[in-house]
Amino acid sequence: MSDALINGLAGAGGGIIAQLITYPLQTVNTRQQTERDLKKEKRKLGTIEQMCQVVKQEGWERLYGGLTPSLVGTSASQGVYYYFYQIFRNKAESKALERQKKGIGDGSVGMLSSLIVAALSGCVNVLLTNPIWVVVTRMQ
């Protein structure tokens, strides 16, 4: 198994774990952003208070409403990003070694190259996973 595939799978797995842990916060955040209070004098609830209110009024499962499509999007997005990051990083490392053999540089990937690798990976991620996120948003 290639390093890129291992990193892609690890990124997908890490994204799933992070999503499972933070999804209730995302649910409350979305509610806070979309709720409109017509009475300005009503006090806004804090995050923890609103989470408790959701659990009390709607049950624990409501904090995880819409989780499945979000997990699909997150795992795909993280997997794609880390897969392509490793591919681009490998190319940058081999170019750095070629330059070193020619007497240019020390053979390591510099900060600018690392930034370019990350930016390219992010661009590929957005291009490949945007359709998934459109579906996820509509399903939620």
Protein backbone atom coordinates (compact mmCIF):
# COMPACT_ATOMS: atom_id res chain seq x y z
CA MET A 1 0.00 0.00 0.00
CA SER A 2 1.41 3.40 -0.96
CA ASP A 3 2.14 6.15 1.57
CA ALA A 4 -0.41 8.36 -0.19
CA LEU A 5 -3.16 5.77 0.22
CA ILE A 6 -2.24 5.18 3.87
CA ASN A 7 -2.32 8.93 4.54
CA GLY A 8 -5.62 9.27 2.68
CA LEU A 9 -7.23 6.50 4.75
CA ALA A 10 -5.76 7.91 7.96
CA GLY A 11 -7.08 11.36 7.07
CA ALA A 12 -10.54 9.94 6.37
CA GLY A 13 -10.51 8.04 9.67
CA GLY A 14 -9.30 11.06 11.60
CA GLY A 15 -11.96 13.22 9.97
CA ILE A 16 -14.67 10.76 10.99
CA ILE A 17 -13.48 10.69 14.61
CA ALA A 18 -13.22 14.48 14.79
CA GLN A 19 -16.69 14.85 13.24
CA LEU A 20 -18.24 12.43 15.75
CA ILE A 21 -16.75 14.38 18.64
CA THR A 22 -17.56 17.89 17.41
CA TYR A 23 -20.86 17.37 15.60
CA PRO A 24 -23.06 18.49 18.53
CA LEU A 25 -21.16 21.78 18.58
CA GLN A 26 -21.74 22.19 14.85
CA THR A 27 -25.45 21.50 15.32
CA VAL A 28 -25.75 24.18 17.98
CA ASN A 29 -23.60 26.59 15.96
CA THR A 30 -25.86 26.16 12.93
CA ARG A 31 -28.94 26.76 15.06
CA GLN A 32 -27.43 29.88 16.59
CA GLN A 33 -26.62 31.25 13.16
CA THR A 34 -30.02 30.52 11.65
CA GLU A 35 -32.41 31.30 14.51
CA ARG A 36 -33.90 34.73 14.29
CA ASP A 37 -35.13 36.28 17.48
CA LEU A 38 -37.92 38.73 16.76
CA LYS A 39 -37.86 39.90 20.36
CA LYS A 40 -34.48 41.55 20.82
CA GLU A 41 -34.78 41.54 24.60
CA LYS A 42 -34.70 37.74 24.78
CA ARG A 43 -31.35 36.54 26.08
CA LYS A 44 -29.34 34.36 23.70
CA LEU A 45 -28.35 31.00 25.12
CA GLY A 46 -24.70 30.01 25.31
CA THR A 47 -23.44 26.90 23.52
CA ILE A 48 -23.59 24.56 26.53
CA GLU A 49 -27.00 25.91 27.57
CA GLN A 50 -28.37 25.41 24.08
CA MET A 51 -26.97 21.87 23.91
CA CYS A 52 -28.70 21.05 27.19
CA GLN A 53 -31.93 22.59 25.91
CA VAL A 54 -31.80 20.50 22.72
CA VAL A 55 -31.21 17.31 24.74
CA LYS A 56 -34.02 18.14 27.15
CA GLN A 57 -36.57 19.11 24.51
CA GLU A 58 -35.63 16.89 21.56
CA GLY A 59 -33.35 14.14 22.89
CA TRP A 60 -29.68 13.24 22.43
CA GLU A 61 -30.16 11.95 18.90
CA ARG A 62 -31.14 15.44 17.69
CA LEU A 63 -27.62 16.71 18.42
CA TYR A 64 -26.49 14.21 15.77
CA GLY A 65 -29.24 14.91 13.22
CA GLY A 66 -27.78 14.91 9.70
CA LEU A 67 -24.58 13.22 10.83
CA THR A 68 -24.42 10.53 8.13
CA PRO A 69 -24.14 12.82 5.10
CA SER A 70 -21.72 15.00 7.01
CA LEU A 71 -19.53 11.98 7.77
CA VAL A 72 -19.48 11.07 4.08
CA GLY A 73 -18.41 14.59 3.15
CA THR A 74 -15.79 14.86 5.88
CA SER A 75 -14.23 11.46 5.25
CA ALA A 76 -14.10 12.09 1.50
CA SER A 77 -12.68 15.57 1.95
CA GLN A 78 -10.01 14.56 4.46
CA GLY A 79 -9.12 11.42 2.52
CA VAL A 80 -8.69 13.32 -0.75
CA TYR A 81 -6.67 16.09 0.90
CA TYR A 82 -4.16 13.81 2.63
CA TYR A 83 -3.87 11.48 -0.35
CA PHE A 84 -2.92 14.30 -2.69
CA TYR A 85 -0.81 16.03 -0.04
CA GLN A 86 1.41 12.95 0.14
CA ILE A 87 1.64 12.66 -3.65
CA PHE A 88 2.60 16.34 -4.03
CA ARG A 89 4.98 16.14 -1.06
CA ASN A 90 6.77 13.15 -2.59
CA LYS A 91 7.22 15.10 -5.84
CA ALA A 92 8.54 18.13 -3.95
CA GLU A 93 11.00 15.95 -2.02
CA SER A 94 12.33 14.31 -5.18
CA LYS A 95 12.75 17.74 -6.84
CA ALA A 96 14.64 18.96 -3.77
CA LEU A 97 16.96 15.95 -3.95
CA GLU A 98 17.54 16.55 -7.68
CA ARG A 99 18.47 20.16 -6.91
CA GLN A 100 20.83 18.99 -4.17
CA LYS A 101 22.61 16.66 -6.63
CA LYS A 102 23.14 19.70 -8.87
CA GLY A 103 24.63 21.58 -5.93
CA ILE A 104 21.56 23.74 -5.27
CA GLY A 105 20.09 23.58 -1.77
CA ASP A 106 20.35 21.02 0.99
CA GLY A 107 17.82 18.50 -0.35
CA SER A 108 15.01 19.45 2.00
CA VAL A 109 11.61 20.83 1.09
CA GLY A 110 11.46 24.49 2.05
CA MET A 111 8.64 26.50 3.54
CA LEU A 112 7.45 27.91 0.23
CA SER A 113 7.35 24.44 -1.36
CA SER A 114 5.43 23.11 1.64
CA LEU A 115 2.91 25.92 1.32
CA ILE A 116 2.49 25.21 -2.39
CA VAL A 117 2.00 21.48 -1.67
CA ALA A 118 -0.68 22.26 0.92
CA ALA A 119 -2.41 24.80 -1.34
CA LEU A 120 -2.47 22.41 -4.30
CA SER A 121 -3.85 19.64 -2.08
CA GLY A 122 -6.55 21.98 -0.84
CA CYS A 123 -7.47 22.99 -4.38
CA VAL A 124 -7.76 19.38 -5.55
CA ASN A 125 -9.79 18.60 -2.44
CA VAL A 126 -12.28 21.40 -3.14
CA LEU A 127 -12.55 20.55 -6.83
CA LEU A 128 -13.20 16.85 -6.19
CA THR A 129 -15.42 17.05 -3.11
CA ASN A 130 -17.53 20.16 -3.78
CA PRO A 131 -20.36 18.10 -5.34
CA ILE A 132 -20.45 15.95 -2.20
CA TRP A 133 -20.75 19.04 0.01
CA VAL A 134 -23.57 20.44 -2.14
CA VAL A 135 -25.52 17.20 -1.57
CA VAL A 136 -24.63 17.17 2.16
CA THR A 137 -25.86 20.74 2.59
CA ARG A 138 -29.13 19.99 0.83
CA MET A 139 -29.69 16.83 2.88
CA GLN A 140 -29.15 18.70 6.14
